[in-house]
């Protein structure tokens, strides 16, 4: 069960029947994404490496912590789980396919799904929220990313997320 949301086919069908009467709600999140490929406990593991200067062809599987602050020991609010790959031949642009999986508070067990282009060296990057689960069924919104810190192997990225979802 996602926090306060019953799961399963019958529960989803019941939820859909209430949908025409539901109010839409806007929820905002702010957190930090820790993408670590170095050390003993990496959270991003390369599947395919690339020799391209734009990382074209590179693919990594991730299970990155999402925290309240930029410090690695900051309070954990969830995980970013999925895959990203180098999709740009002319500039470093990633295709991001991942879920923000919330693990605490009233959104515990709910997810937001991201599918979009991340031009990694731009100051701000927008990626669409294309859905979700639990509290965020049928969600839509925007995740704005800004690199907080990075080196040759690791990065901490600040995310501001605004999502429209149903209050059922």
N, C-alpha and C. Protein backbone atom coordinates (compact mmCIF):
# COMPACT_ATOMS: atom_id res chain seq x y z
N UNK A 1 0.85 -1.18 0.00
CA UNK A 1 0.00 0.00 0.00
C UNK A 1 0.89 1.24 0.00
N UNK A 2 0.63 2.11 -0.94
CA UNK A 2 1.24 3.43 -0.88
C UNK A 2 0.51 4.16 0.24
N UNK A 3 1.18 5.05 0.91
CA UNK A 3 0.59 5.76 2.05
C UNK A 3 -0.83 6.22 1.75
N UNK A 4 -1.81 5.60 2.40
CA UNK A 4 -3.20 6.01 2.27
C UNK A 4 -3.88 5.63 0.96
N UNK A 5 -3.21 4.87 0.09
CA UNK A 5 -3.79 4.49 -1.20
C UNK A 5 -3.81 2.97 -1.30
N UNK A 6 -4.98 2.42 -1.47
CA UNK A 6 -5.11 0.98 -1.60
C UNK A 6 -4.70 0.59 -3.02
N UNK A 7 -3.91 -0.48 -3.13
CA UNK A 7 -3.42 -0.93 -4.42
C UNK A 7 -4.19 -2.17 -4.87
N UNK A 8 -4.03 -2.55 -6.11
CA UNK A 8 -4.67 -3.73 -6.67
C UNK A 8 -5.70 -3.34 -7.71
N UNK A 9 -6.07 -4.29 -8.60
CA UNK A 9 -6.97 -3.96 -9.71
C UNK A 9 -8.34 -3.44 -9.28
N UNK A 10 -8.93 -4.00 -8.25
CA UNK A 10 -10.25 -3.53 -7.81
C UNK A 10 -10.16 -2.13 -7.22
N UNK A 11 -9.08 -1.87 -6.48
CA UNK A 11 -8.90 -0.54 -5.90
C UNK A 11 -8.69 0.51 -6.99
N UNK A 12 -7.95 0.16 -8.02
CA UNK A 12 -7.71 1.09 -9.11
C UNK A 12 -9.01 1.37 -9.86
N UNK A 13 -9.81 0.34 -10.09
CA UNK A 13 -11.10 0.52 -10.76
C UNK A 13 -12.01 1.44 -9.94
N UNK A 14 -12.04 1.24 -8.64
CA UNK A 14 -12.83 2.10 -7.75
C UNK A 14 -12.33 3.55 -7.82
N UNK A 15 -11.00 3.71 -7.85
CA UNK A 15 -10.38 5.03 -7.94
C UNK A 15 -10.82 5.73 -9.23
N UNK A 16 -10.80 4.99 -10.36
CA UNK A 16 -11.19 5.58 -11.64
C UNK A 16 -12.65 6.01 -11.65
N UNK A 17 -13.49 5.30 -10.95
CA UNK A 17 -14.91 5.68 -10.89
C UNK A 17 -15.10 7.02 -10.17
N UNK A 18 -14.21 7.34 -9.25
CA UNK A 18 -14.27 8.61 -8.51
C UNK A 18 -13.62 9.75 -9.29
N UNK A 19 -12.85 9.43 -10.31
CA UNK A 19 -12.05 10.42 -11.04
C UNK A 19 -12.86 11.60 -11.58
N UNK A 20 -14.04 11.39 -12.18
CA UNK A 20 -14.78 12.55 -12.71
C UNK A 20 -15.17 13.58 -11.64
N UNK A 21 -15.18 13.18 -10.38
CA UNK A 21 -15.59 14.08 -9.29
C UNK A 21 -14.40 14.61 -8.48
N UNK A 22 -13.21 14.18 -8.87
CA UNK A 22 -12.02 14.54 -8.11
C UNK A 22 -11.54 15.95 -8.42
N UNK A 23 -10.93 16.57 -7.43
CA UNK A 23 -10.30 17.87 -7.62
C UNK A 23 -8.84 17.64 -7.96
N UNK A 24 -8.30 18.53 -8.78
CA UNK A 24 -6.88 18.46 -9.06
C UNK A 24 -6.12 19.25 -8.01
N UNK A 25 -4.93 18.80 -7.74
CA UNK A 25 -4.11 19.38 -6.69
C UNK A 25 -2.69 19.57 -7.23
N UNK A 26 -2.04 20.64 -6.82
CA UNK A 26 -0.65 20.88 -7.18
C UNK A 26 0.23 20.60 -5.96
N UNK A 27 1.26 19.80 -6.17
CA UNK A 27 2.22 19.49 -5.10
C UNK A 27 3.61 19.86 -5.59
N UNK A 28 4.40 20.46 -4.71
CA UNK A 28 5.77 20.88 -5.03
C UNK A 28 6.75 20.10 -4.17
N UNK A 29 7.87 19.73 -4.77
CA UNK A 29 8.95 19.05 -4.07
C UNK A 29 10.26 19.76 -4.35
N UNK A 30 11.16 19.69 -3.39
CA UNK A 30 12.52 20.17 -3.56
C UNK A 30 13.43 19.13 -2.90
N UNK A 31 14.37 18.59 -3.68
CA UNK A 31 15.28 17.59 -3.12
C UNK A 31 16.56 17.55 -3.95
N UNK A 32 17.51 16.78 -3.46
CA UNK A 32 18.81 16.62 -4.13
C UNK A 32 18.99 15.16 -4.52
N UNK A 33 19.49 14.98 -5.73
CA UNK A 33 19.70 13.69 -6.39
C UNK A 33 21.20 13.43 -6.34
N UNK A 34 21.61 12.32 -5.76
CA UNK A 34 23.04 11.99 -5.61
C UNK A 34 23.39 10.86 -6.56
N UNK A 35 24.06 11.18 -7.66
CA UNK A 35 24.44 10.21 -8.69
C UNK A 35 25.92 9.88 -8.52
N UNK A 36 26.18 8.70 -7.96
CA UNK A 36 27.54 8.33 -7.57
C UNK A 36 27.97 7.09 -8.36
N UNK A 37 28.99 7.25 -9.22
CA UNK A 37 29.52 6.10 -9.96
C UNK A 37 30.84 5.61 -9.38
N UNK A 38 31.41 6.35 -8.43
CA UNK A 38 32.72 5.99 -7.86
C UNK A 38 32.56 5.30 -6.50
N UNK A 39 33.66 4.78 -5.99
CA UNK A 39 33.70 4.23 -4.64
C UNK A 39 33.16 2.82 -4.53
N UNK A 40 33.02 2.38 -3.27
CA UNK A 40 32.61 1.00 -2.98
C UNK A 40 31.11 0.77 -3.14
N UNK A 41 30.31 1.82 -2.99
CA UNK A 41 28.85 1.69 -3.06
C UNK A 41 28.25 2.64 -4.09
N UNK A 42 28.54 2.43 -5.37
CA UNK A 42 27.98 3.34 -6.38
C UNK A 42 26.46 3.22 -6.44
N UNK A 43 25.81 4.33 -6.76
CA UNK A 43 24.36 4.34 -6.92
C UNK A 43 23.98 4.40 -8.39
N UNK A 44 24.97 4.57 -9.25
CA UNK A 44 24.78 4.55 -10.70
C UNK A 44 25.85 3.63 -11.28
N UNK A 45 25.40 2.62 -12.02
CA UNK A 45 26.33 1.62 -12.55
C UNK A 45 26.29 1.67 -14.08
N UNK A 46 27.45 1.92 -14.71
CA UNK A 46 27.49 1.94 -16.17
C UNK A 46 27.15 0.56 -16.74
N UNK A 47 26.29 0.54 -17.73
CA UNK A 47 25.97 -0.68 -18.45
C UNK A 47 26.76 -0.71 -19.75
N UNK A 48 26.81 0.45 -20.42
CA UNK A 48 27.59 0.61 -21.64
C UNK A 48 28.41 1.88 -21.48
N UNK A 49 29.70 1.78 -21.66
CA UNK A 49 30.57 2.95 -21.58
C UNK A 49 30.71 3.58 -22.96
N UNK A 50 31.19 4.82 -23.00
CA UNK A 50 31.30 5.55 -24.25
C UNK A 50 32.63 6.28 -24.30
N UNK A 51 33.20 6.37 -25.49
CA UNK A 51 34.42 7.16 -25.69
C UNK A 51 34.09 8.51 -26.31
N UNK A 52 32.81 8.78 -26.53
CA UNK A 52 32.36 10.03 -27.15
C UNK A 52 32.55 11.19 -26.17
N UNK A 53 32.98 12.36 -26.65
CA UNK A 53 33.10 13.53 -25.77
C UNK A 53 31.74 14.01 -25.24
N UNK A 54 30.65 13.60 -25.90
CA UNK A 54 29.31 13.98 -25.44
C UNK A 54 28.63 12.84 -24.68
N UNK A 55 29.36 11.75 -24.43
CA UNK A 55 28.84 10.57 -23.73
C UNK A 55 27.79 9.82 -24.56
N UNK A 56 27.73 10.10 -25.86
CA UNK A 56 26.76 9.43 -26.73
C UNK A 56 26.96 7.91 -26.64
N UNK A 57 25.86 7.21 -26.39
CA UNK A 57 25.90 5.75 -26.27
C UNK A 57 26.09 5.23 -24.86
N UNK A 58 26.49 6.08 -23.94
CA UNK A 58 26.66 5.68 -22.54
C UNK A 58 25.30 5.34 -21.94
N UNK A 59 25.23 4.28 -21.15
CA UNK A 59 23.99 3.89 -20.48
C UNK A 59 24.31 3.49 -19.05
N UNK A 60 23.51 3.98 -18.09
CA UNK A 60 23.70 3.63 -16.68
C UNK A 60 22.36 3.30 -16.03
N UNK A 61 22.39 2.33 -15.13
CA UNK A 61 21.25 1.97 -14.30
C UNK A 61 21.46 2.66 -12.96
N UNK A 62 20.39 3.28 -12.42
CA UNK A 62 20.56 4.06 -11.19
C UNK A 62 19.58 3.66 -10.09
N UNK A 63 20.04 3.86 -8.89
CA UNK A 63 19.23 3.80 -7.67
C UNK A 63 19.80 4.86 -6.74
N UNK A 64 19.59 6.12 -7.14
CA UNK A 64 20.21 7.27 -6.48
C UNK A 64 19.37 7.78 -5.31
N UNK A 65 20.02 8.11 -4.18
CA UNK A 65 19.27 8.70 -3.07
C UNK A 65 18.76 10.10 -3.41
N UNK A 66 17.58 10.41 -2.90
CA UNK A 66 17.00 11.74 -2.96
C UNK A 66 16.97 12.27 -1.53
N UNK A 67 17.60 13.40 -1.28
CA UNK A 67 17.72 13.91 0.09
C UNK A 67 17.20 15.34 0.21
N UNK A 68 16.92 15.74 1.43
CA UNK A 68 16.43 17.09 1.73
C UNK A 68 17.48 18.14 1.41
N UNK A 69 18.72 17.87 1.74
CA UNK A 69 19.81 18.80 1.50
C UNK A 69 20.85 18.20 0.59
N UNK A 70 21.87 18.96 0.19
CA UNK A 70 22.88 18.46 -0.73
C UNK A 70 23.90 17.52 -0.09
N UNK A 71 23.96 17.49 1.22
CA UNK A 71 24.91 16.62 1.89
C UNK A 71 24.46 15.16 1.75
N UNK A 72 25.40 14.27 1.51
CA UNK A 72 25.06 12.85 1.30
C UNK A 72 24.38 12.23 2.53
N UNK A 73 24.65 12.77 3.71
CA UNK A 73 24.04 12.25 4.95
C UNK A 73 22.78 13.02 5.34
N UNK A 74 22.28 13.87 4.45
CA UNK A 74 21.04 14.60 4.68
C UNK A 74 19.87 13.62 4.73
N UNK A 75 18.74 14.05 5.27
CA UNK A 75 17.56 13.20 5.42
C UNK A 75 17.11 12.64 4.07
N UNK A 76 16.96 11.34 4.00
CA UNK A 76 16.52 10.64 2.80
C UNK A 76 15.00 10.78 2.63
N UNK A 77 14.55 11.19 1.44
CA UNK A 77 13.12 11.27 1.16
C UNK A 77 12.67 10.24 0.13
N UNK A 78 13.64 9.67 -0.58
CA UNK A 78 13.30 8.67 -1.58
C UNK A 78 14.50 8.26 -2.40
N UNK A 79 14.20 7.62 -3.55
CA UNK A 79 15.23 7.14 -4.46
C UNK A 79 14.83 7.51 -5.89
N UNK A 80 15.82 7.75 -6.73
CA UNK A 80 15.59 7.88 -8.17
C UNK A 80 16.04 6.56 -8.78
N UNK A 81 15.10 5.79 -9.30
CA UNK A 81 15.41 4.47 -9.83
C UNK A 81 15.07 4.43 -11.31
N UNK A 82 16.03 3.98 -12.12
CA UNK A 82 15.77 3.88 -13.55
C UNK A 82 17.05 3.77 -14.35
N UNK A 83 17.01 4.43 -15.50
CA UNK A 83 18.12 4.33 -16.44
C UNK A 83 18.29 5.68 -17.15
N UNK A 84 19.53 6.01 -17.47
CA UNK A 84 19.75 7.17 -18.33
C UNK A 84 20.86 6.84 -19.32
N UNK A 85 20.80 7.52 -20.44
CA UNK A 85 21.79 7.25 -21.47
C UNK A 85 22.13 8.49 -22.26
N UNK A 86 23.36 8.50 -22.78
CA UNK A 86 23.82 9.60 -23.61
C UNK A 86 23.14 9.55 -24.97
N UNK A 87 22.32 10.55 -25.27
CA UNK A 87 21.52 10.54 -26.49
C UNK A 87 21.94 11.63 -27.49
N UNK A 88 22.89 12.48 -27.11
CA UNK A 88 23.28 13.59 -27.98
C UNK A 88 24.64 13.37 -28.62
N UNK A 89 24.71 13.54 -29.93
CA UNK A 89 25.99 13.44 -30.62
C UNK A 89 26.71 14.79 -30.68
N UNK A 90 25.94 15.89 -30.60
CA UNK A 90 26.53 17.23 -30.72
C UNK A 90 26.74 17.90 -29.36
N UNK A 91 25.97 17.49 -28.35
CA UNK A 91 26.14 18.02 -27.00
C UNK A 91 25.80 16.92 -26.00
N UNK A 92 26.29 17.08 -24.78
CA UNK A 92 26.00 16.11 -23.73
C UNK A 92 24.53 16.24 -23.31
N UNK A 93 23.71 15.35 -23.81
CA UNK A 93 22.28 15.35 -23.50
C UNK A 93 21.88 13.92 -23.16
N UNK A 94 21.28 13.76 -22.01
CA UNK A 94 20.88 12.44 -21.54
C UNK A 94 19.40 12.21 -21.79
N UNK A 95 19.04 10.98 -22.08
CA UNK A 95 17.65 10.55 -22.06
C UNK A 95 17.44 9.97 -20.68
N UNK A 96 16.55 10.58 -19.90
CA UNK A 96 16.28 10.16 -18.52
C UNK A 96 14.96 9.38 -18.50
N UNK A 97 15.02 8.17 -18.01
CA UNK A 97 13.83 7.34 -17.83
C UNK A 97 13.92 6.80 -16.41
N UNK A 98 13.19 7.43 -15.49
CA UNK A 98 13.34 7.05 -14.09
C UNK A 98 12.08 7.34 -13.30
N UNK A 99 12.04 6.77 -12.12
CA UNK A 99 10.95 7.04 -11.17
C UNK A 99 11.54 7.66 -9.92
N UNK A 100 10.90 8.72 -9.44
CA UNK A 100 11.18 9.22 -8.10
C UNK A 100 10.30 8.39 -7.17
N UNK A 101 10.92 7.58 -6.34
CA UNK A 101 10.21 6.68 -5.43
C UNK A 101 10.29 7.28 -4.03
N UNK A 102 9.16 7.71 -3.50
CA UNK A 102 9.14 8.36 -2.18
C UNK A 102 9.07 7.29 -1.09
N UNK A 103 9.90 7.46 -0.05
CA UNK A 103 10.04 6.43 0.98
C UNK A 103 9.69 6.92 2.38
N UNK A 104 9.23 8.16 2.49
CA UNK A 104 8.89 8.70 3.81
C UNK A 104 7.64 9.57 3.72
N UNK A 105 7.04 9.83 4.86
CA UNK A 105 5.95 10.79 4.96
C UNK A 105 4.69 10.37 4.23
N UNK A 106 3.85 11.36 3.91
CA UNK A 106 2.54 11.06 3.34
C UNK A 106 2.62 10.55 1.90
N UNK A 107 3.78 10.65 1.25
CA UNK A 107 3.93 10.13 -0.12
C UNK A 107 4.68 8.80 -0.15
N UNK A 108 4.96 8.23 1.01
CA UNK A 108 5.67 6.96 1.11
C UNK A 108 5.01 5.90 0.24
N UNK A 109 5.78 5.30 -0.66
CA UNK A 109 5.27 4.25 -1.55
C UNK A 109 4.74 4.77 -2.87
N UNK A 110 4.59 6.07 -3.01
CA UNK A 110 4.12 6.65 -4.27
C UNK A 110 5.32 6.99 -5.16
N UNK A 111 5.08 7.08 -6.47
CA UNK A 111 6.15 7.39 -7.40
C UNK A 111 5.73 8.47 -8.38
N UNK A 112 6.72 9.14 -8.95
CA UNK A 112 6.54 10.04 -10.08
C UNK A 112 7.47 9.55 -11.19
N UNK A 113 6.96 9.48 -12.42
CA UNK A 113 7.74 8.96 -13.55
C UNK A 113 8.23 10.10 -14.43
N UNK A 114 9.53 10.09 -14.70
CA UNK A 114 10.19 11.11 -15.53
C UNK A 114 10.63 10.46 -16.84
N UNK A 115 10.34 11.11 -17.93
CA UNK A 115 10.81 10.65 -19.24
C UNK A 115 11.14 11.89 -20.05
N UNK A 116 12.43 12.15 -20.25
CA UNK A 116 12.75 13.36 -20.98
C UNK A 116 14.22 13.55 -21.24
N UNK A 117 14.52 14.64 -21.92
CA UNK A 117 15.88 15.02 -22.32
C UNK A 117 16.49 15.90 -21.24
N UNK A 118 17.73 15.60 -20.90
CA UNK A 118 18.47 16.35 -19.89
C UNK A 118 19.79 16.83 -20.51
N UNK A 119 19.83 18.05 -21.05
CA UNK A 119 21.09 18.59 -21.57
C UNK A 119 22.00 18.95 -20.39
N UNK A 120 22.81 18.01 -20.00
CA UNK A 120 23.49 17.98 -18.70
C UNK A 120 24.29 19.23 -18.34
N UNK A 121 24.81 19.96 -19.32
CA UNK A 121 25.65 21.11 -18.99
C UNK A 121 24.91 22.44 -19.07
N UNK A 122 23.60 22.41 -19.30
CA UNK A 122 22.81 23.63 -19.23
C UNK A 122 22.56 23.97 -17.76
N UNK A 123 22.44 25.25 -17.46
CA UNK A 123 22.21 25.64 -16.06
C UNK A 123 20.93 25.01 -15.52
N UNK A 124 19.83 25.15 -16.23
CA UNK A 124 18.54 24.57 -15.83
C UNK A 124 18.08 23.60 -16.91
N UNK A 125 17.54 22.47 -16.47
CA UNK A 125 16.99 21.49 -17.40
C UNK A 125 15.58 21.13 -16.96
N UNK A 126 14.65 21.11 -17.91
CA UNK A 126 13.27 20.71 -17.61
C UNK A 126 13.01 19.33 -18.19
N UNK A 127 12.41 18.48 -17.38
CA UNK A 127 12.01 17.16 -17.83
C UNK A 127 10.56 16.93 -17.42
N UNK A 128 9.78 16.32 -18.31
CA UNK A 128 8.37 16.12 -17.98
C UNK A 128 8.14 14.99 -16.98
N UNK A 129 7.17 15.21 -16.11
CA UNK A 129 6.61 14.15 -15.27
C UNK A 129 5.47 13.58 -16.10
N UNK A 130 5.54 12.31 -16.44
CA UNK A 130 4.57 11.72 -17.37
C UNK A 130 3.58 10.77 -16.70
N UNK A 131 3.66 10.67 -15.39
CA UNK A 131 2.73 9.80 -14.67
C UNK A 131 3.23 9.53 -13.27
N UNK A 132 2.60 8.56 -12.64
CA UNK A 132 2.99 8.20 -11.30
C UNK A 132 2.14 7.07 -10.78
N UNK A 133 2.35 6.73 -9.52
CA UNK A 133 1.57 5.68 -8.88
C UNK A 133 1.23 6.11 -7.46
N UNK A 134 0.35 5.34 -6.83
CA UNK A 134 -0.07 5.68 -5.48
C UNK A 134 -0.83 6.99 -5.48
N UNK A 135 -0.44 7.92 -4.63
CA UNK A 135 -1.07 9.24 -4.55
C UNK A 135 -0.98 9.97 -5.89
N UNK A 136 0.01 9.63 -6.70
CA UNK A 136 0.28 10.35 -7.94
C UNK A 136 -0.22 9.64 -9.21
N UNK A 137 -1.26 8.82 -9.09
CA UNK A 137 -1.84 8.20 -10.28
C UNK A 137 -2.24 9.29 -11.28
N UNK A 138 -1.86 9.11 -12.53
CA UNK A 138 -2.15 10.04 -13.63
C UNK A 138 -1.54 11.43 -13.44
N UNK A 139 -0.47 11.52 -12.69
CA UNK A 139 0.18 12.82 -12.46
C UNK A 139 0.82 13.34 -13.74
N UNK A 140 0.95 14.66 -13.79
CA UNK A 140 1.71 15.32 -14.84
C UNK A 140 2.37 16.54 -14.25
N UNK A 141 3.53 16.88 -14.79
CA UNK A 141 4.23 18.03 -14.24
C UNK A 141 5.58 18.22 -14.87
N UNK A 142 6.41 18.99 -14.17
CA UNK A 142 7.75 19.33 -14.64
C UNK A 142 8.75 19.16 -13.50
N UNK A 143 9.87 18.52 -13.82
CA UNK A 143 11.01 18.44 -12.91
C UNK A 143 12.09 19.34 -13.47
N UNK A 144 12.51 20.33 -12.69
CA UNK A 144 13.58 21.23 -13.10
C UNK A 144 14.85 20.85 -12.35
N UNK A 145 15.91 20.60 -13.10
CA UNK A 145 17.18 20.17 -12.52
C UNK A 145 18.23 21.26 -12.67
N UNK A 146 19.08 21.37 -11.66
CA UNK A 146 20.22 22.30 -11.69
C UNK A 146 21.37 21.60 -10.97
N UNK A 147 22.51 21.49 -11.64
CA UNK A 147 23.65 20.83 -11.03
C UNK A 147 24.14 21.64 -9.84
N UNK A 148 24.22 20.99 -8.70
CA UNK A 148 24.72 21.62 -7.48
C UNK A 148 26.23 21.45 -7.40
N UNK A 149 26.71 20.24 -7.75
CA UNK A 149 28.14 19.92 -7.71
C UNK A 149 28.38 18.72 -8.61
N UNK A 150 29.54 18.71 -9.27
CA UNK A 150 29.92 17.52 -10.02
C UNK A 150 31.42 17.47 -10.22
N UNK A 151 31.91 16.23 -10.41
CA UNK A 151 33.28 16.02 -10.82
C UNK A 151 33.26 15.03 -11.99
N UNK A 152 34.36 14.37 -12.29
CA UNK A 152 34.41 13.48 -13.45
C UNK A 152 33.54 12.23 -13.30
N UNK A 153 33.18 11.86 -12.07
CA UNK A 153 32.44 10.61 -11.88
C UNK A 153 31.11 10.76 -11.15
N UNK A 154 30.94 11.79 -10.35
CA UNK A 154 29.78 11.91 -9.47
C UNK A 154 29.11 13.27 -9.64
N UNK A 155 27.83 13.33 -9.25
CA UNK A 155 27.12 14.60 -9.34
C UNK A 155 26.04 14.67 -8.26
N UNK A 156 25.80 15.88 -7.79
CA UNK A 156 24.66 16.17 -6.93
C UNK A 156 23.83 17.19 -7.68
N UNK A 157 22.56 16.84 -7.91
CA UNK A 157 21.68 17.67 -8.72
C UNK A 157 20.49 18.11 -7.88
N UNK A 158 20.22 19.42 -7.90
CA UNK A 158 19.08 19.98 -7.19
C UNK A 158 17.85 19.87 -8.09
N UNK A 159 16.77 19.34 -7.53
CA UNK A 159 15.51 19.20 -8.28
C UNK A 159 14.40 20.00 -7.62
N UNK A 160 13.66 20.73 -8.44
CA UNK A 160 12.39 21.34 -8.05
C UNK A 160 11.34 20.69 -8.93
N UNK A 161 10.34 20.10 -8.31
CA UNK A 161 9.32 19.36 -9.03
C UNK A 161 7.96 19.96 -8.71
N UNK A 162 7.19 20.23 -9.75
CA UNK A 162 5.80 20.68 -9.58
C UNK A 162 4.94 19.67 -10.32
N UNK A 163 3.97 19.12 -9.61
CA UNK A 163 3.15 18.06 -10.20
C UNK A 163 1.67 18.33 -9.95
N UNK A 164 0.88 18.08 -10.98
CA UNK A 164 -0.58 18.18 -10.91
C UNK A 164 -1.11 16.76 -10.80
N UNK A 165 -1.93 16.51 -9.79
CA UNK A 165 -2.48 15.17 -9.58
C UNK A 165 -3.87 15.28 -8.99
N UNK A 166 -4.53 14.16 -8.89
CA UNK A 166 -5.90 14.14 -8.40
C UNK A 166 -5.94 13.88 -6.91
N UNK A 167 -6.85 14.57 -6.22
CA UNK A 167 -7.03 14.43 -4.79
C UNK A 167 -8.26 13.55 -4.57
N UNK A 168 -8.03 12.24 -4.52
CA UNK A 168 -9.15 11.29 -4.34
C UNK A 168 -8.98 10.58 -3.02
